[in-house]
């Protein structure tokens, strides 16, 4: 799963999709996930990174990340 190449993410978490004109504000963890996807990291690698960096259990992380990825897909921000 990859973030579309034309998606722009600013330093402060502003995301812009030039195809649709849609824009979104990301929280710091959402921004980190998207930056990792943009760099070509796998979802598995991103989960491991987040488990190491944050005080979160695997079940909560997997649920929240799956929800986030569904939202990204819904808005046409991901290439599968």
PDB file of N, CA and C in Angstrom:
ATOM      1  N   UNK A   1       0.859  -1.169   0.000  1.00  0.00           N
ATOM      2  CA  UNK A   1       0.000   0.000   0.000  1.00  0.00           C
ATOM      3  C   UNK A   1       0.907   1.233   0.000  1.00  0.00           C
ATOM      4  N   UNK A   2       0.605   2.170  -0.907  1.00  0.00           N
ATOM      5  CA  UNK A   2       1.442   3.356  -1.028  1.00  0.00           C
ATOM      6  C   UNK A   2       0.571   4.602  -1.115  1.00  0.00           C
ATOM      7  N   UNK A   3       1.123   5.685  -0.633  1.00  0.00           N
ATOM      8  CA  UNK A   3       0.488   6.983  -0.793  1.00  0.00           C
ATOM      9  C   UNK A   3       0.696   7.427  -2.237  1.00  0.00           C
ATOM     10  N   UNK A   4      -0.337   7.976  -2.861  1.00  0.00           N
ATOM     11  CA  UNK A   4      -0.190   8.466  -4.229  1.00  0.00           C
ATOM     12  C   UNK A   4       0.933   9.491  -4.281  1.00  0.00           C
ATOM     13  N   UNK A   5       1.673   9.488  -5.357  1.00  0.00           N
ATOM     14  CA  UNK A   5       2.870  10.324  -5.482  1.00  0.00           C
ATOM     15  C   UNK A   5       2.572  11.821  -5.483  1.00  0.00           C
ATOM     16  N   UNK A   6       1.416  12.222  -5.969  1.00  0.00           N
ATOM     17  CA  UNK A   6       1.120  13.652  -6.082  1.00  0.00           C
ATOM     18  C   UNK A   6       0.558  14.275  -4.801  1.00  0.00           C
ATOM     19  N   UNK A   7       0.408  13.498  -3.745  1.00  0.00           N
ATOM     20  CA  UNK A   7      -0.130  14.005  -2.485  1.00  0.00           C
ATOM     21  C   UNK A   7       0.949  14.808  -1.769  1.00  0.00           C
ATOM     22  N   UNK A   8       0.598  16.013  -1.373  1.00  0.00           N
ATOM     23  CA  UNK A   8       1.550  16.890  -0.676  1.00  0.00           C
ATOM     24  C   UNK A   8       1.228  16.931   0.814  1.00  0.00           C
ATOM     25  N   UNK A   9       2.269  16.839   1.626  1.00  0.00           N
ATOM     26  CA  UNK A   9       2.133  16.910   3.080  1.00  0.00           C
ATOM     27  C   UNK A   9       3.083  17.981   3.584  1.00  0.00           C
ATOM     28  N   UNK A  10       2.551  18.987   4.261  1.00  0.00           N
ATOM     29  CA  UNK A  10       3.401  20.051   4.789  1.00  0.00           C
ATOM     30  C   UNK A  10       4.008  19.639   6.123  1.00  0.00           C
ATOM     31  N   UNK A  11       4.968  20.421   6.592  1.00  0.00           N
ATOM     32  CA  UNK A  11       5.625  20.163   7.880  1.00  0.00           C
ATOM     33  C   UNK A  11       4.643  20.190   9.049  1.00  0.00           C
ATOM     34  N   UNK A  12       3.589  21.011   8.947  1.00  0.00           N
ATOM     35  CA  UNK A  12       2.642  21.117  10.061  1.00  0.00           C
ATOM     36  C   UNK A  12       1.439  20.177   9.928  1.00  0.00           C
ATOM     37  N   UNK A  13       1.496  19.216   8.958  1.00  0.00           N
ATOM     38  CA  UNK A  13       0.460  18.199   8.860  1.00  0.00           C
ATOM     39  C   UNK A  13      -0.698  18.534   7.949  1.00  0.00           C
ATOM     40  N   UNK A  14      -0.537  19.504   7.085  1.00  0.00           N
ATOM     41  CA  UNK A  14      -1.570  19.845   6.108  1.00  0.00           C
ATOM     42  C   UNK A  14      -1.366  18.950   4.894  1.00  0.00           C
ATOM     43  N   UNK A  15      -2.407  18.198   4.514  1.00  0.00           N
ATOM     44  CA  UNK A  15      -2.332  17.290   3.381  1.00  0.00           C
ATOM     45  C   UNK A  15      -3.200  17.846   2.261  1.00  0.00           C
ATOM     46  N   UNK A  16      -2.689  17.820   1.031  1.00  0.00           N
ATOM     47  CA  UNK A  16      -3.422  18.343  -0.113  1.00  0.00           C
ATOM     48  C   UNK A  16      -3.395  17.320  -1.245  1.00  0.00           C
ATOM     49  N   UNK A  17      -4.580  17.049  -1.806  1.00  0.00           N
ATOM     50  CA  UNK A  17      -4.716  16.168  -2.956  1.00  0.00           C
ATOM     51  C   UNK A  17      -5.011  17.036  -4.179  1.00  0.00           C
ATOM     52  N   UNK A  18      -4.029  17.247  -5.052  1.00  0.00           N
ATOM     53  CA  UNK A  18      -4.241  18.122  -6.199  1.00  0.00           C
ATOM     54  C   UNK A  18      -5.222  17.575  -7.234  1.00  0.00           C
ATOM     55  N   UNK A  19      -5.460  16.263  -7.224  1.00  0.00           N
ATOM     56  CA  UNK A  19      -6.428  15.688  -8.162  1.00  0.00           C
ATOM     57  C   UNK A  19      -7.849  16.145  -7.862  1.00  0.00           C
ATOM     58  N   UNK A  20      -8.174  16.263  -6.571  1.00  0.00           N
ATOM     59  CA  UNK A  20      -9.543  16.589  -6.178  1.00  0.00           C
ATOM     60  C   UNK A  20      -9.682  17.980  -5.566  1.00  0.00           C
ATOM     61  N   UNK A  21      -8.565  18.550  -5.128  1.00  0.00           N
ATOM     62  CA  UNK A  21      -8.611  19.827  -4.423  1.00  0.00           C
ATOM     63  C   UNK A  21      -8.909  19.666  -2.939  1.00  0.00           C
ATOM     64  N   UNK A  22      -9.062  18.432  -2.496  1.00  0.00           N
ATOM     65  CA  UNK A  22      -9.356  18.169  -1.081  1.00  0.00           C
ATOM     66  C   UNK A  22      -8.117  18.423  -0.228  1.00  0.00           C
ATOM     67  N   UNK A  23      -8.359  18.918   0.986  1.00  0.00           N
ATOM     68  CA  UNK A  23      -7.265  19.110   1.934  1.00  0.00           C
ATOM     69  C   UNK A  23      -7.704  18.587   3.296  1.00  0.00           C
ATOM     70  N   UNK A  24      -6.717  18.170   4.072  1.00  0.00           N
ATOM     71  CA  UNK A  24      -6.963  17.572   5.370  1.00  0.00           C
ATOM     72  C   UNK A  24      -5.888  18.037   6.347  1.00  0.00           C
ATOM     73  N   UNK A  25      -6.215  18.038   7.620  1.00  0.00           N
ATOM     74  CA  UNK A  25      -5.243  18.324   8.675  1.00  0.00           C
ATOM     75  C   UNK A  25      -4.963  17.005   9.397  1.00  0.00           C
ATOM     76  N   UNK A  26      -3.694  16.662   9.506  1.00  0.00           N
ATOM     77  CA  UNK A  26      -3.286  15.423  10.157  1.00  0.00           C
ATOM     78  C   UNK A  26      -2.771  15.690  11.556  1.00  0.00           C
ATOM     79  N   UNK A  27      -3.009  14.750  12.457  1.00  0.00           N
ATOM     80  CA  UNK A  27      -2.344  14.848  13.749  1.00  0.00           C
ATOM     81  C   UNK A  27      -0.916  14.330  13.568  1.00  0.00           C
ATOM     82  N   UNK A  28      -0.041  14.485  14.549  1.00  0.00           N
ATOM     83  CA  UNK A  28       1.361  14.085  14.366  1.00  0.00           C
ATOM     84  C   UNK A  28       1.552  12.611  14.000  1.00  0.00           C
ATOM     85  N   UNK A  29       0.745  11.707  14.547  1.00  0.00           N
ATOM     86  CA  UNK A  29       0.914  10.293  14.228  1.00  0.00           C
ATOM     87  C   UNK A  29       0.401  10.012  12.814  1.00  0.00           C
ATOM     88  N   UNK A  30      -0.693  10.629  12.418  1.00  0.00           N
ATOM     89  CA  UNK A  30      -1.176  10.494  11.050  1.00  0.00           C
ATOM     90  C   UNK A  30      -0.149  10.984  10.050  1.00  0.00           C
ATOM     91  N   UNK A  31       0.483  12.109  10.371  1.00  0.00           N
ATOM     92  CA  UNK A  31       1.538  12.650   9.507  1.00  0.00           C
ATOM     93  C   UNK A  31       2.707  11.679   9.427  1.00  0.00           C
ATOM     94  N   UNK A  32       3.074  11.094  10.544  1.00  0.00           N
ATOM     95  CA  UNK A  32       4.180  10.131  10.564  1.00  0.00           C
ATOM     96  C   UNK A  32       3.846   8.902   9.711  1.00  0.00           C
ATOM     97  N   UNK A  33       2.625   8.403   9.820  1.00  0.00           N
ATOM     98  CA  UNK A  33       2.210   7.247   9.016  1.00  0.00           C
ATOM     99  C   UNK A  33       2.281   7.587   7.530  1.00  0.00           C
ATOM    100  N   UNK A  34       1.749   8.734   7.155  1.00  0.00           N
ATOM    101  CA  UNK A  34       1.752   9.105   5.737  1.00  0.00           C
ATOM    102  C   UNK A  34       3.152   9.334   5.206  1.00  0.00           C
ATOM    103  N   UNK A  35       4.001   9.950   5.999  1.00  0.00           N
ATOM    104  CA  UNK A  35       5.386  10.149   5.554  1.00  0.00           C
ATOM    105  C   UNK A  35       6.089   8.812   5.355  1.00  0.00           C
ATOM    106  N   UNK A  36       5.824   7.852   6.229  1.00  0.00           N
ATOM    107  CA  UNK A  36       6.414   6.522   6.083  1.00  0.00           C
ATOM    108  C   UNK A  36       5.867   5.816   4.826  1.00  0.00           C
ATOM    109  N   UNK A  37       4.576   5.946   4.579  1.00  0.00           N
ATOM    110  CA  UNK A  37       3.999   5.368   3.363  1.00  0.00           C
ATOM    111  C   UNK A  37       4.613   6.009   2.122  1.00  0.00           C
ATOM    112  N   UNK A  38       4.793   7.322   2.184  1.00  0.00           N
ATOM    113  CA  UNK A  38       5.367   8.053   1.050  1.00  0.00           C
ATOM    114  C   UNK A  38       6.794   7.586   0.769  1.00  0.00           C
ATOM    115  N   UNK A  39       7.512   7.193   1.821  1.00  0.00           N
ATOM    116  CA  UNK A  39       8.879   6.696   1.668  1.00  0.00           C
ATOM    117  C   UNK A  39       8.915   5.233   1.231  1.00  0.00           C
ATOM    118  N   UNK A  40       7.746   4.611   1.091  1.00  0.00           N
ATOM    119  CA  UNK A  40       7.687   3.246   0.611  1.00  0.00           C
ATOM    120  C   UNK A  40       7.723   2.177   1.691  1.00  0.00           C
ATOM    121  N   UNK A  41       7.582   2.570   2.950  1.00  0.00           N
ATOM    122  CA  UNK A  41       7.576   1.600   4.042  1.00  0.00           C
ATOM    123  C   UNK A  41       6.292   0.774   3.999  1.00  0.00           C
ATOM    124  N   UNK A  42       6.392  -0.471   4.397  1.00  0.00           N
ATOM    125  CA  UNK A  42       5.209  -1.336   4.444  1.00  0.00           C
ATOM    126  C   UNK A  42       4.388  -1.025   5.697  1.00  0.00           C
ATOM    127  N   UNK A  43       3.130  -1.419   5.671  1.00  0.00           N
ATOM    128  CA  UNK A  43       2.258  -1.224   6.831  1.00  0.00           C
ATOM    129  C   UNK A  43       2.826  -1.968   8.036  1.00  0.00           C
ATOM    130  N   UNK A  44       3.353  -3.154   7.818  1.00  0.00           N
ATOM    131  CA  UNK A  44       3.956  -3.936   8.907  1.00  0.00           C
ATOM    132  C   UNK A  44       5.131  -3.184   9.528  1.00  0.00           C
ATOM    133  N   UNK A  45       5.993  -2.609   8.688  1.00  0.00           N
ATOM    134  CA  UNK A  45       7.141  -1.856   9.201  1.00  0.00           C
ATOM    135  C   UNK A  45       6.700  -0.606   9.958  1.00  0.00           C
ATOM    136  N   UNK A  46       5.654   0.045   9.469  1.00  0.00           N
ATOM    137  CA  UNK A  46       5.149   1.248  10.133  1.00  0.00           C
ATOM    138  C   UNK A  46       4.569   0.889  11.500  1.00  0.00           C
ATOM    139  N   UNK A  47       3.837  -0.213  11.565  1.00  0.00           N
ATOM    140  CA  UNK A  47       3.291  -0.659  12.855  1.00  0.00           C
ATOM    141  C   UNK A  47       4.419  -0.902  13.855  1.00  0.00           C
ATOM    142  N   UNK A  48       5.473  -1.571  13.420  1.00  0.00           N
ATOM    143  CA  UNK A  48       6.600  -1.846  14.304  1.00  0.00           C
ATOM    144  C   UNK A  48       7.244  -0.551  14.785  1.00  0.00           C
ATOM    145  N   UNK A  49       7.410   0.397  13.890  1.00  0.00           N
ATOM    146  CA  UNK A  49       7.986   1.693  14.246  1.00  0.00           C
ATOM    147  C   UNK A  49       7.135   2.393  15.303  1.00  0.00           C
ATOM    148  N   UNK A  50       5.824   2.394  15.113  1.00  0.00           N
ATOM    149  CA  UNK A  50       4.922   3.052  16.059  1.00  0.00           C
ATOM    150  C   UNK A  50       4.903   2.344  17.408  1.00  0.00           C
ATOM    151  N   UNK A  51       4.980   1.008  17.389  1.00  0.00           N
ATOM    152  CA  UNK A  51       5.036   0.259  18.652  1.00  0.00           C
ATOM    153  C   UNK A  51       6.287   0.603  19.444  1.00  0.00           C
ATOM    154  N   UNK A  52       7.388   0.844  18.734  1.00  0.00           N
ATOM    155  CA  UNK A  52       8.645   1.201  19.397  1.00  0.00           C
ATOM    156  C   UNK A  52       8.637   2.633  19.926  1.00  0.00           C
ATOM    157  N   UNK A  53       7.977   3.537  19.207  1.00  0.00           N
ATOM    158  CA  UNK A  53       8.015   4.962  19.557  1.00  0.00           C
ATOM    159  C   UNK A  53       6.957   5.390  20.566  1.00  0.00           C
ATOM    160  N   UNK A  54       5.831   4.703  20.587  1.00  0.00           N
ATOM    161  CA  UNK A  54       4.708   5.157  21.399  1.00  0.00           C
ATOM    162  C   UNK A  54       4.245   4.078  22.369  1.00  0.00           C
ATOM    163  N   UNK A  55       3.635   4.507  23.433  1.00  0.00           N
ATOM    164  CA  UNK A  55       3.091   3.601  24.441  1.00  0.00           C
ATOM    165  C   UNK A  55       1.691   3.170  23.999  1.00  0.00           C
ATOM    166  N   UNK A  56       1.648   2.135  23.161  1.00  0.00           N
ATOM    167  CA  UNK A  56       0.390   1.653  22.611  1.00  0.00           C
ATOM    168  C   UNK A  56       0.465   0.134  22.511  1.00  0.00           C
ATOM    169  N   UNK A  57      -0.681  -0.518  22.709  1.00  0.00           N
ATOM    170  CA  UNK A  57      -0.706  -1.971  22.563  1.00  0.00           C
ATOM    171  C   UNK A  57      -1.020  -2.318  21.109  1.00  0.00           C
ATOM    172  N   UNK A  58      -0.620  -3.506  20.716  1.00  0.00           N
ATOM    173  CA  UNK A  58      -0.754  -3.941  19.327  1.00  0.00           C
ATOM    174  C   UNK A  58      -2.200  -3.944  18.848  1.00  0.00           C
ATOM    175  N   UNK A  59      -3.132  -4.401  19.668  1.00  0.00           N
ATOM    176  CA  UNK A  59      -4.541  -4.475  19.261  1.00  0.00           C
ATOM    177  C   UNK A  59      -5.094  -3.080  18.952  1.00  0.00           C
ATOM    178  N   UNK A  60      -4.824  -2.118  19.835  1.00  0.00           N
ATOM    179  CA  UNK A  60      -5.293  -0.744  19.613  1.00  0.00           C
ATOM    180  C   UNK A  60      -4.643  -0.139  18.377  1.00  0.00           C
ATOM    181  N   UNK A  61      -3.340  -0.362  18.240  1.00  0.00           N
ATOM    182  CA  UNK A  61      -2.625   0.177  17.084  1.00  0.00           C
ATOM    183  C   UNK A  61      -3.189  -0.384  15.789  1.00  0.00           C
ATOM    184  N   UNK A  62      -3.385  -1.695  15.720  1.00  0.00           N
ATOM    185  CA  UNK A  62      -3.898  -2.297  14.493  1.00  0.00           C
ATOM    186  C   UNK A  62      -5.292  -1.795  14.148  1.00  0.00           C
ATOM    187  N   UNK A  63      -6.163  -1.661  15.136  1.00  0.00           N
ATOM    188  CA  UNK A  63      -7.520  -1.154  14.886  1.00  0.00           C
ATOM    189  C   UNK A  63      -7.488   0.277  14.382  1.00  0.00           C
ATOM    190  N   UNK A  64      -6.742   1.124  15.093  1.00  0.00           N
ATOM    191  CA  UNK A  64      -6.685   2.536  14.701  1.00  0.00           C
ATOM    192  C   UNK A  64      -6.010   2.729  13.348  1.00  0.00           C
ATOM    193  N   UNK A  65      -4.978   1.957  13.086  1.00  0.00           N
ATOM    194  CA  UNK A  65      -4.292   2.094  11.809  1.00  0.00           C
ATOM    195  C   UNK A  65      -5.174   1.596  10.666  1.00  0.00           C
ATOM    196  N   UNK A  66      -5.882   0.503  10.872  1.00  0.00           N
ATOM    197  CA  UNK A  66      -6.797   0.005   9.845  1.00  0.00           C
ATOM    198  C   UNK A  66      -7.891   1.034   9.554  1.00  0.00           C
ATOM    199  N   UNK A  67      -8.455   1.637  10.592  1.00  0.00           N
ATOM    200  CA  UNK A  67      -9.467   2.684  10.412  1.00  0.00           C
ATOM    201  C   UNK A  67      -8.902   3.851   9.612  1.00  0.00           C
ATOM    202  N   UNK A  68      -7.675   4.262   9.949  1.00  0.00           N
ATOM    203  CA  UNK A  68      -7.024   5.374   9.267  1.00  0.00           C
ATOM    204  C   UNK A  68      -6.787   5.038   7.792  1.00  0.00           C
ATOM    205  N   UNK A  69      -6.313   3.831   7.509  1.00  0.00           N
ATOM    206  CA  UNK A  69      -6.054   3.428   6.131  1.00  0.00           C
ATOM    207  C   UNK A  69      -7.345   3.336   5.318  1.00  0.00           C
ATOM    208  N   UNK A  70      -8.437   2.911   5.940  1.00  0.00           N
ATOM    209  CA  UNK A  70      -9.735   2.872   5.261  1.00  0.00           C
ATOM    210  C   UNK A  70     -10.165   4.294   4.877  1.00  0.00           C
ATOM    211  N   UNK A  71      -9.968   5.236   5.780  1.00  0.00           N
ATOM    212  CA  UNK A  71     -10.309   6.632   5.497  1.00  0.00           C
ATOM    213  C   UNK A  71      -9.464   7.167   4.343  1.00  0.00           C
ATOM    214  N   UNK A  72      -8.163   6.870   4.368  1.00  0.00           N
ATOM    215  CA  UNK A  72      -7.279   7.308   3.282  1.00  0.00           C
ATOM    216  C   UNK A  72      -7.732   6.724   1.946  1.00  0.00           C
ATOM    217  N   UNK A  73      -8.068   5.452   1.945  1.00  0.00           N
ATOM    218  CA  UNK A  73      -8.533   4.806   0.736  1.00  0.00           C
ATOM    219  C   UNK A  73      -9.847   5.420   0.250  1.00  0.00           C
ATOM    220  N   UNK A  74     -10.752   5.674   1.183  1.00  0.00           N
ATOM    221  CA  UNK A  74     -12.048   6.284   0.847  1.00  0.00           C
ATOM    222  C   UNK A  74     -11.866   7.633   0.130  1.00  0.00           C
ATOM    223  N   UNK A  75     -10.875   8.388   0.567  1.00  0.00           N
ATOM    224  CA  UNK A  75     -10.626   9.707  -0.023  1.00  0.00           C
ATOM    225  C   UNK A  75      -9.695   9.647  -1.236  1.00  0.00           C
ATOM    226  N   UNK A  76      -9.351   8.437  -1.681  1.00  0.00           N
ATOM    227  CA  UNK A  76      -8.549   8.283  -2.892  1.00  0.00           C
ATOM    228  C   UNK A  76      -7.099   8.707  -2.743  1.00  0.00           C
ATOM    229  N   UNK A  77      -6.559   8.564  -1.546  1.00  0.00           N
ATOM    230  CA  UNK A  77      -5.185   9.001  -1.295  1.00  0.00           C
ATOM    231  C   UNK A  77      -4.152   7.884  -1.420  1.00  0.00           C
ATOM    232  N   UNK A  78      -4.614   6.643  -1.557  1.00  0.00           N
ATOM    233  CA  UNK A  78      -3.705   5.501  -1.606  1.00  0.00           C
ATOM    234  C   UNK A  78      -3.771   4.788  -2.947  1.00  0.00           C
ATOM    235  N   UNK A  79      -2.620   4.252  -3.361  1.00  0.00           N
ATOM    236  CA  UNK A  79      -2.533   3.293  -4.447  1.00  0.00           C
ATOM    237  C   UNK A  79      -2.391   1.931  -3.786  1.00  0.00           C
ATOM    238  N   UNK A  80      -3.124   0.986  -4.199  1.00  0.00           N
ATOM    239  CA  UNK A  80      -3.002  -0.363  -3.588  1.00  0.00           C
ATOM    240  C   UNK A  80      -2.040  -1.210  -4.352  1.00  0.00           C
TER     241      UNK A  80
END
